[in-house]
Amino acid sequence: MMKHFVPLVAAATLLVAASPARSEEQTASSGVTHATLSFEFSEEPFGFSDLVLTITRAGQLMYDGGVDVSDCREPNCWPAGA
């Protein structure tokens, strides 16, 4: 049994290491205001891309667009819950 386990663990490790960027989404609400931040996360190279912020208030779309983080300096730039 153990001789089959090691190759499986090695294969799983390779799959995780080779995985592409994954889509993430974080949400927050206060009363009738709702916000969603969506982005792509990649571990190699470590980083975030395609940040999009959507804000609605009482069902009305207030903002839906990209997020400019050009002034943010590594290693302190990432969505709070990531």
PDB file of N, CA and C in Angstrom:
ATOM      1  N   MET A   1       0.825  -1.198   0.000  1.00  0.00           N
ATOM      2  CA  MET A   1       0.000   0.000   0.000  1.00  0.00           C
ATOM      3  C   MET A   1       0.865   1.257   0.000  1.00  0.00           C
ATOM      4  N   MET A   2       1.925   1.276   0.836  1.00  0.00           N
ATOM      5  CA  MET A   2       2.778   2.457   0.942  1.00  0.00           C
ATOM      6  C   MET A   2       3.514   2.733  -0.362  1.00  0.00           C
ATOM      7  N   LYS A   3       3.877   1.689  -1.120  1.00  0.00           N
ATOM      8  CA  LYS A   3       4.610   1.916  -2.367  1.00  0.00           C
ATOM      9  C   LYS A   3       3.741   2.619  -3.410  1.00  0.00           C
ATOM     10  N   HIS A   4       2.417   2.522  -3.296  1.00  0.00           N
ATOM     11  CA  HIS A   4       1.521   3.229  -4.206  1.00  0.00           C
ATOM     12  C   HIS A   4       1.226   4.639  -3.714  1.00  0.00           C
ATOM     13  N   PHE A   5       1.345   4.846  -2.422  1.00  0.00           N
ATOM     14  CA  PHE A   5       1.033   6.140  -1.826  1.00  0.00           C
ATOM     15  C   PHE A   5       2.042   7.215  -2.230  1.00  0.00           C
ATOM     16  N   VAL A   6       3.322   6.884  -2.217  1.00  0.00           N
ATOM     17  CA  VAL A   6       4.375   7.863  -2.523  1.00  0.00           C
ATOM     18  C   VAL A   6       4.229   8.427  -3.935  1.00  0.00           C
ATOM     19  N   PRO A   7       4.042   7.590  -4.978  1.00  0.00           N
ATOM     20  CA  PRO A   7       3.849   8.176  -6.311  1.00  0.00           C
ATOM     21  C   PRO A   7       2.597   9.041  -6.406  1.00  0.00           C
ATOM     22  N   LEU A   8       1.543   8.677  -5.687  1.00  0.00           N
ATOM     23  CA  LEU A   8       0.337   9.497  -5.709  1.00  0.00           C
ATOM     24  C   LEU A   8       0.591  10.872  -5.100  1.00  0.00           C
ATOM     25  N   VAL A   9       1.312  10.905  -3.993  1.00  0.00           N
ATOM     26  CA  VAL A   9       1.644  12.178  -3.357  1.00  0.00           C
ATOM     27  C   VAL A   9       2.526  13.007  -4.289  1.00  0.00           C
ATOM     28  N   ALA A  10       3.487  12.385  -4.933  1.00  0.00           N
ATOM     29  CA  ALA A  10       4.367  13.095  -5.863  1.00  0.00           C
ATOM     30  C   ALA A  10       3.574  13.671  -7.033  1.00  0.00           C
ATOM     31  N   ALA A  11       2.639  12.888  -7.569  1.00  0.00           N
ATOM     32  CA  ALA A  11       1.819  13.365  -8.686  1.00  0.00           C
ATOM     33  C   ALA A  11       0.934  14.527  -8.249  1.00  0.00           C
ATOM     34  N   ALA A  12       0.347  14.428  -7.079  1.00  0.00           N
ATOM     35  CA  ALA A  12      -0.503  15.510  -6.571  1.00  0.00           C
ATOM     36  C   ALA A  12       0.306  16.778  -6.365  1.00  0.00           C
ATOM     37  N   THR A  13       1.523  16.648  -5.864  1.00  0.00           N
ATOM     38  CA  THR A  13       2.397  17.800  -5.658  1.00  0.00           C
ATOM     39  C   THR A  13       2.714  18.480  -6.986  1.00  0.00           C
ATOM     40  N   LEU A  14       2.982  17.710  -8.014  1.00  0.00           N
ATOM     41  CA  LEU A  14       3.270  18.275  -9.332  1.00  0.00           C
ATOM     42  C   LEU A  14       2.055  18.999  -9.895  1.00  0.00           C
ATOM     43  N   LEU A  15       0.875  18.437  -9.706  1.00  0.00           N
ATOM     44  CA  LEU A  15      -0.331  19.093 -10.193  1.00  0.00           C
ATOM     45  C   LEU A  15      -0.558  20.422  -9.502  1.00  0.00           C
ATOM     46  N   VAL A  16      -0.348  20.467  -8.203  1.00  0.00           N
ATOM     47  CA  VAL A  16      -0.524  21.714  -7.461  1.00  0.00           C
ATOM     48  C   VAL A  16       0.525  22.723  -7.887  1.00  0.00           C
ATOM     49  N   ALA A  17       1.757  22.293  -8.029  1.00  0.00           N
ATOM     50  CA  ALA A  17       2.846  23.195  -8.398  1.00  0.00           C
ATOM     51  C   ALA A  17       2.644  23.764  -9.803  1.00  0.00           C
ATOM     52  N   ALA A  18       2.019  22.995 -10.681  1.00  0.00           N
ATOM     53  CA  ALA A  18       1.837  23.440 -12.051  1.00  0.00           C
ATOM     54  C   ALA A  18       0.493  24.128 -12.275  1.00  0.00           C
ATOM     55  N   SER A  19      -0.266  24.316 -11.219  1.00  0.00           N
ATOM     56  CA  SER A  19      -1.604  24.880 -11.390  1.00  0.00           C
ATOM     57  C   SER A  19      -1.527  26.343 -11.834  1.00  0.00           C
ATOM     58  N   PRO A  20      -2.417  26.718 -12.756  1.00  0.00           N
ATOM     59  CA  PRO A  20      -2.438  28.100 -13.241  1.00  0.00           C
ATOM     60  C   PRO A  20      -3.080  29.025 -12.214  1.00  0.00           C
ATOM     61  N   ALA A  21      -3.173  30.283 -12.574  1.00  0.00           N
ATOM     62  CA  ALA A  21      -3.823  31.258 -11.702  1.00  0.00           C
ATOM     63  C   ALA A  21      -5.243  30.798 -11.410  1.00  0.00           C
ATOM     64  N   ARG A  22      -5.689  31.086 -10.206  1.00  0.00           N
ATOM     65  CA  ARG A  22      -7.062  30.706  -9.863  1.00  0.00           C
ATOM     66  C   ARG A  22      -7.878  31.960  -9.569  1.00  0.00           C
ATOM     67  N   SER A  23      -9.136  31.901  -9.910  1.00  0.00           N
ATOM     68  CA  SER A  23     -10.042  33.026  -9.672  1.00  0.00           C
ATOM     69  C   SER A  23     -10.472  33.043  -8.220  1.00  0.00           C
ATOM     70  N   GLU A  24     -10.483  34.209  -7.643  1.00  0.00           N
ATOM     71  CA  GLU A  24     -10.902  34.395  -6.255  1.00  0.00           C
ATOM     72  C   GLU A  24     -11.941  35.503  -6.219  1.00  0.00           C
ATOM     73  N   GLU A  25     -12.743  35.506  -5.173  1.00  0.00           N
ATOM     74  CA  GLU A  25     -13.742  36.539  -4.993  1.00  0.00           C
ATOM     75  C   GLU A  25     -13.943  36.783  -3.509  1.00  0.00           C
ATOM     76  N   GLN A  26     -13.961  38.054  -3.123  1.00  0.00           N
ATOM     77  CA  GLN A  26     -14.213  38.426  -1.733  1.00  0.00           C
ATOM     78  C   GLN A  26     -15.378  39.399  -1.720  1.00  0.00           C
ATOM     79  N   THR A  27     -16.262  39.237  -0.731  1.00  0.00           N
ATOM     80  CA  THR A  27     -17.435  40.097  -0.656  1.00  0.00           C
ATOM     81  C   THR A  27     -17.544  40.730   0.721  1.00  0.00           C
ATOM     82  N   ALA A  28     -18.222  41.868   0.757  1.00  0.00           N
ATOM     83  CA  ALA A  28     -18.496  42.564   2.019  1.00  0.00           C
ATOM     84  C   ALA A  28     -19.816  43.305   1.858  1.00  0.00           C
ATOM     85  N   SER A  29     -20.539  43.436   2.972  1.00  0.00           N
ATOM     86  CA  SER A  29     -21.826  44.140   2.956  1.00  0.00           C
ATOM     87  C   SER A  29     -21.990  44.961   4.216  1.00  0.00           C
ATOM     88  N   SER A  30     -22.701  46.058   4.067  1.00  0.00           N
ATOM     89  CA  SER A  30     -23.086  46.891   5.204  1.00  0.00           C
ATOM     90  C   SER A  30     -24.425  47.524   4.838  1.00  0.00           C
ATOM     91  N   GLY A  31     -25.475  47.089   5.518  1.00  0.00           N
ATOM     92  CA  GLY A  31     -26.803  47.593   5.179  1.00  0.00           C
ATOM     93  C   GLY A  31     -27.158  47.225   3.760  1.00  0.00           C
ATOM     94  N   VAL A  32     -27.502  48.242   2.956  1.00  0.00           N
ATOM     95  CA  VAL A  32     -27.908  47.996   1.571  1.00  0.00           C
ATOM     96  C   VAL A  32     -26.738  48.108   0.589  1.00  0.00           C
ATOM     97  N   THR A  33     -25.535  48.297   1.113  1.00  0.00           N
ATOM     98  CA  THR A  33     -24.354  48.425   0.261  1.00  0.00           C
ATOM     99  C   THR A  33     -23.584  47.110   0.242  1.00  0.00           C
ATOM    100  N   HIS A  34     -23.268  46.648  -0.967  1.00  0.00           N
ATOM    101  CA  HIS A  34     -22.556  45.387  -1.151  1.00  0.00           C
ATOM    102  C   HIS A  34     -21.365  45.615  -2.082  1.00  0.00           C
ATOM    103  N   ALA A  35     -20.244  44.995  -1.758  1.00  0.00           N
ATOM    104  CA  ALA A  35     -19.046  45.112  -2.589  1.00  0.00           C
ATOM    105  C   ALA A  35     -18.475  43.729  -2.866  1.00  0.00           C
ATOM    106  N   THR A  36     -17.974  43.553  -4.065  1.00  0.00           N
ATOM    107  CA  THR A  36     -17.323  42.313  -4.458  1.00  0.00           C
ATOM    108  C   THR A  36     -16.006  42.661  -5.135  1.00  0.00           C
ATOM    109  N   LEU A  37     -14.933  42.046  -4.665  1.00  0.00           N
ATOM    110  CA  LEU A  37     -13.618  42.185  -5.287  1.00  0.00           C
ATOM    111  C   LEU A  37     -13.263  40.830  -5.876  1.00  0.00           C
ATOM    112  N   SER A  38     -13.081  40.802  -7.182  1.00  0.00           N
ATOM    113  CA  SER A  38     -12.663  39.560  -7.832  1.00  0.00           C
ATOM    114  C   SER A  38     -11.269  39.770  -8.416  1.00  0.00           C
ATOM    115  N   PHE A  39     -10.504  38.674  -8.461  1.00  0.00           N
ATOM    116  CA  PHE A  39      -9.130  38.769  -8.939  1.00  0.00           C
ATOM    117  C   PHE A  39      -8.598  37.390  -9.280  1.00  0.00           C
ATOM    118  N   GLU A  40      -7.482  37.372  -9.965  1.00  0.00           N
ATOM    119  CA  GLU A  40      -6.756  36.143 -10.274  1.00  0.00           C
ATOM    120  C   GLU A  40      -5.555  36.078  -9.347  1.00  0.00           C
ATOM    121  N   PHE A  41      -5.303  34.903  -8.775  1.00  0.00           N
ATOM    122  CA  PHE A  41      -4.166  34.712  -7.887  1.00  0.00           C
ATOM    123  C   PHE A  41      -3.262  33.648  -8.465  1.00  0.00           C
ATOM    124  N   SER A  42      -1.981  33.929  -8.490  1.00  0.00           N
ATOM    125  CA  SER A  42      -0.992  32.978  -8.980  1.00  0.00           C
ATOM    126  C   SER A  42       0.137  32.869  -7.967  1.00  0.00           C
ATOM    127  N   GLU A  43       0.521  31.642  -7.649  1.00  0.00           N
ATOM    128  CA  GLU A  43       1.612  31.443  -6.700  1.00  0.00           C
ATOM    129  C   GLU A  43       2.975  31.544  -7.366  1.00  0.00           C
ATOM    130  N   GLU A  44       3.051  31.370  -8.677  1.00  0.00           N
ATOM    131  CA  GLU A  44       4.314  31.449  -9.398  1.00  0.00           C
ATOM    132  C   GLU A  44       4.152  32.341 -10.604  1.00  0.00           C
ATOM    133  N   PRO A  45       4.670  33.490 -10.730  1.00  0.00           N
ATOM    134  CA  PRO A  45       5.230  34.245  -9.629  1.00  0.00           C
ATOM    135  C   PRO A  45       4.101  34.735  -8.730  1.00  0.00           C
ATOM    136  N   PHE A  46       4.388  34.822  -7.464  1.00  0.00           N
ATOM    137  CA  PHE A  46       3.382  35.225  -6.494  1.00  0.00           C
ATOM    138  C   PHE A  46       2.803  36.569  -6.883  1.00  0.00           C
ATOM    139  N   GLY A  47       1.499  36.631  -7.041  1.00  0.00           N
ATOM    140  CA  GLY A  47       0.916  37.914  -7.396  1.00  0.00           C
ATOM    141  C   GLY A  47      -0.563  37.844  -7.658  1.00  0.00           C
ATOM    142  N   PHE A  48      -1.137  39.010  -7.800  1.00  0.00           N
ATOM    143  CA  PHE A  48      -2.557  39.171  -8.051  1.00  0.00           C
ATOM    144  C   PHE A  48      -2.714  39.985  -9.320  1.00  0.00           C
ATOM    145  N   SER A  49      -3.744  39.657 -10.106  1.00  0.00           N
ATOM    146  CA  SER A  49      -3.996  40.388 -11.333  1.00  0.00           C
ATOM    147  C   SER A  49      -5.502  40.433 -11.598  1.00  0.00           C
ATOM    148  N   ASP A  50      -5.869  41.219 -12.585  1.00  0.00           N
ATOM    149  CA  ASP A  50      -7.265  41.338 -13.007  1.00  0.00           C
ATOM    150  C   ASP A  50      -8.201  41.670 -11.854  1.00  0.00           C
ATOM    151  N   LEU A  51      -7.837  42.664 -11.047  1.00  0.00           N
ATOM    152  CA  LEU A  51      -8.682  43.086  -9.929  1.00  0.00           C
ATOM    153  C   LEU A  51      -9.869  43.882 -10.443  1.00  0.00           C
ATOM    154  N   VAL A  52     -11.061  43.458 -10.057  1.00  0.00           N
ATOM    155  CA  VAL A  52     -12.297  44.141 -10.453  1.00  0.00           C
ATOM    156  C   VAL A  52     -13.147  44.345  -9.208  1.00  0.00           C
ATOM    157  N   LEU A  53     -13.595  45.569  -9.006  1.00  0.00           N
ATOM    158  CA  LEU A  53     -14.426  45.923  -7.863  1.00  0.00           C
ATOM    159  C   LEU A  53     -15.823  46.272  -8.353  1.00  0.00           C
ATOM    160  N   THR A  54     -16.824  45.658  -7.720  1.00  0.00           N
ATOM    161  CA  THR A  54     -18.221  45.957  -8.022  1.00  0.00           C
ATOM    162  C   THR A  54     -18.902  46.394  -6.731  1.00  0.00           C
ATOM    163  N   ILE A  55     -19.559  47.556  -6.779  1.00  0.00           N
ATOM    164  CA  ILE A  55     -20.270  48.077  -5.606  1.00  0.00           C
ATOM    165  C   ILE A  55     -21.708  48.373  -6.003  1.00  0.00           C
ATOM    166  N   THR A  56     -22.639  47.863  -5.207  1.00  0.00           N
ATOM    167  CA  THR A  56     -24.050  48.182  -5.410  1.00  0.00           C
ATOM    168  C   THR A  56     -24.611  48.764  -4.112  1.00  0.00           C
ATOM    169  N   ARG A  57     -25.580  49.650  -4.271  1.00  0.00           N
ATOM    170  CA  ARG A  57     -26.271  50.223  -3.115  1.00  0.00           C
ATOM    171  C   ARG A  57     -27.765  50.170  -3.413  1.00  0.00           C
ATOM    172  N   ALA A  58     -28.489  49.469  -2.563  1.00  0.00           N
ATOM    173  CA  ALA A  58     -29.942  49.302  -2.735  1.00  0.00           C
ATOM    174  C   ALA A  58     -30.276  48.783  -4.127  1.00  0.00           C
ATOM    175  N   GLY A  59     -29.446  47.854  -4.620  1.00  0.00           N
ATOM    176  CA  GLY A  59     -29.689  47.248  -5.923  1.00  0.00           C
ATOM    177  C   GLY A  59     -29.202  48.052  -7.109  1.00  0.00           C
ATOM    178  N   GLN A  60     -28.739  49.273  -6.890  1.00  0.00           N
ATOM    179  CA  GLN A  60     -28.235  50.127  -7.967  1.00  0.00           C
ATOM    180  C   GLN A  60     -26.720  49.947  -8.094  1.00  0.00           C
ATOM    181  N   LEU A  61     -26.256  49.733  -9.306  1.00  0.00           N
ATOM    182  CA  LEU A  61     -24.827  49.608  -9.550  1.00  0.00           C
ATOM    183  C   LEU A  61     -24.161  50.964  -9.384  1.00  0.00           C
ATOM    184  N   MET A  62     -23.222  51.062  -8.451  1.00  0.00           N
ATOM    185  CA  MET A  62     -22.513  52.315  -8.187  1.00  0.00           C
ATOM    186  C   MET A  62     -21.133  52.335  -8.854  1.00  0.00           C
ATOM    187  N   TYR A  63     -20.479  51.182  -8.897  1.00  0.00           N
ATOM    188  CA  TYR A  63     -19.152  51.104  -9.508  1.00  0.00           C
ATOM    189  C   TYR A  63     -18.925  49.675  -9.976  1.00  0.00           C
ATOM    190  N   ASP A  64     -18.349  49.539 -11.154  1.00  0.00           N
ATOM    191  CA  ASP A  64     -17.979  48.228 -11.683  1.00  0.00           C
ATOM    192  C   ASP A  64     -16.784  48.446 -12.593  1.00  0.00           C
ATOM    193  N   GLY A  65     -15.601  48.207 -12.056  1.00  0.00           N
ATOM    194  CA  GLY A  65     -14.422  48.451 -12.878  1.00  0.00           C
ATOM    195  C   GLY A  65     -13.150  47.936 -12.244  1.00  0.00           C
ATOM    196  N   GLY A  66     -12.084  48.164 -12.948  1.00  0.00           N
ATOM    197  CA  GLY A  66     -10.776  47.717 -12.503  1.00  0.00           C
ATOM    198  C   GLY A  66     -10.278  48.504 -11.305  1.00  0.00           C
ATOM    199  N   VAL A  67      -9.292  47.932 -10.641  1.00  0.00           N
ATOM    200  CA  VAL A  67      -8.681  48.553  -9.469  1.00  0.00           C
ATOM    201  C   VAL A  67      -7.219  48.824  -9.804  1.00  0.00           C
ATOM    202  N   ASP A  68      -6.809  50.082  -9.695  1.00  0.00           N
ATOM    203  CA  ASP A  68      -5.426  50.464  -9.967  1.00  0.00           C
ATOM    204  C   ASP A  68      -4.610  50.361  -8.686  1.00  0.00           C
ATOM    205  N   VAL A  69      -3.637  49.467  -8.685  1.00  0.00           N
ATOM    206  CA  VAL A  69      -2.782  49.292  -7.510  1.00  0.00           C
ATOM    207  C   VAL A  69      -1.327  49.598  -7.863  1.00  0.00           C
ATOM    208  N   SER A  70      -1.122  50.489  -8.827  1.00  0.00           N
ATOM    209  CA  SER A  70       0.233  50.780  -9.291  1.00  0.00           C
ATOM    210  C   SER A  70       1.103  51.417  -8.207  1.00  0.00           C
ATOM    211  N   ASP A  71       0.492  52.076  -7.219  1.00  0.00           N
ATOM    212  CA  ASP A  71       1.269  52.686  -6.139  1.00  0.00           C
ATOM    213  C   ASP A  71       1.590  51.710  -5.011  1.00  0.00           C
ATOM    214  N   CYS A  72       1.062  50.527  -5.076  1.00  0.00           N
ATOM    215  CA  CYS A  72       1.268  49.533  -4.020  1.00  0.00           C
ATOM    216  C   CYS A  72       2.618  48.841  -4.225  1.00  0.00           C
ATOM    217  N   ARG A  73       3.367  48.698  -3.162  1.00  0.00           N
ATOM    218  CA  ARG A  73       4.699  48.094  -3.247  1.00  0.00           C
ATOM    219  C   ARG A  73       4.725  46.740  -2.530  1.00  0.00           C
ATOM    220  N   GLU A  74       5.343  45.760  -3.187  1.00  0.00           N
ATOM    221  CA  GLU A  74       5.501  44.428  -2.583  1.00  0.00           C
ATOM    222  C   GLU A  74       6.364  44.549  -1.345  1.00  0.00           C
ATOM    223  N   PRO A  75       6.203  43.751  -0.331  1.00  0.00           N
ATOM    224  CA  PRO A  75       5.328  42.579  -0.268  1.00  0.00           C
ATOM    225  C   PRO A  75       3.981  42.882   0.385  1.00  0.00           C
ATOM    226  N   ASN A  76       3.590  44.123   0.446  1.00  0.00           N
ATOM    227  CA  ASN A  76       2.392  44.480   1.200  1.00  0.00           C
ATOM    228  C   ASN A  76       1.157  44.679   0.335  1.00  0.00           C
ATOM    229  N   CYS A  77       1.135  44.168  -0.860  1.00  0.00           N
ATOM    230  CA  CYS A  77      -0.021  44.331  -1.751  1.00  0.00           C
ATOM    231  C   CYS A  77      -0.739  43.019  -1.957  1.00  0.00           C
ATOM    232  N   TRP A  78      -1.899  42.887  -1.381  1.00  0.00           N
ATOM    233  CA  TRP A  78      -2.751  41.740  -1.660  1.00  0.00           C
ATOM    234  C   TRP A  78      -4.118  42.015  -1.082  1.00  0.00           C
ATOM    235  N   PRO A  79      -5.141  41.387  -1.644  1.00  0.00           N
ATOM    236  CA  PRO A  79      -6.465  41.522  -1.047  1.00  0.00           C
ATOM    237  C   PRO A  79      -6.431  41.017   0.397  1.00  0.00           C
ATOM    238  N   ALA A  80      -7.137  41.664   1.268  1.00  0.00           N
ATOM    239  CA  ALA A  80      -7.032  41.426   2.707  1.00  0.00           C
ATOM    240  C   ALA A  80      -7.276  39.985   3.123  1.00  0.00           C
ATOM    241  N   GLY A  81      -8.209  39.305   2.501  1.00  0.00           N
ATOM    242  CA  GLY A  81      -8.536  37.955   2.960  1.00  0.00           C
ATOM    243  C   GLY A  81      -7.811  36.860   2.230  1.00  0.00           C
ATOM    244  N   ALA A  82      -6.922  37.220   1.295  1.00  0.00           N
ATOM    245  CA  ALA A  82      -6.249  36.197   0.494  1.00  0.00           C
ATOM    246  C   ALA A  82      -5.230  35.429   1.282  1.00  0.00           C
TER     247      ALA A  82
END
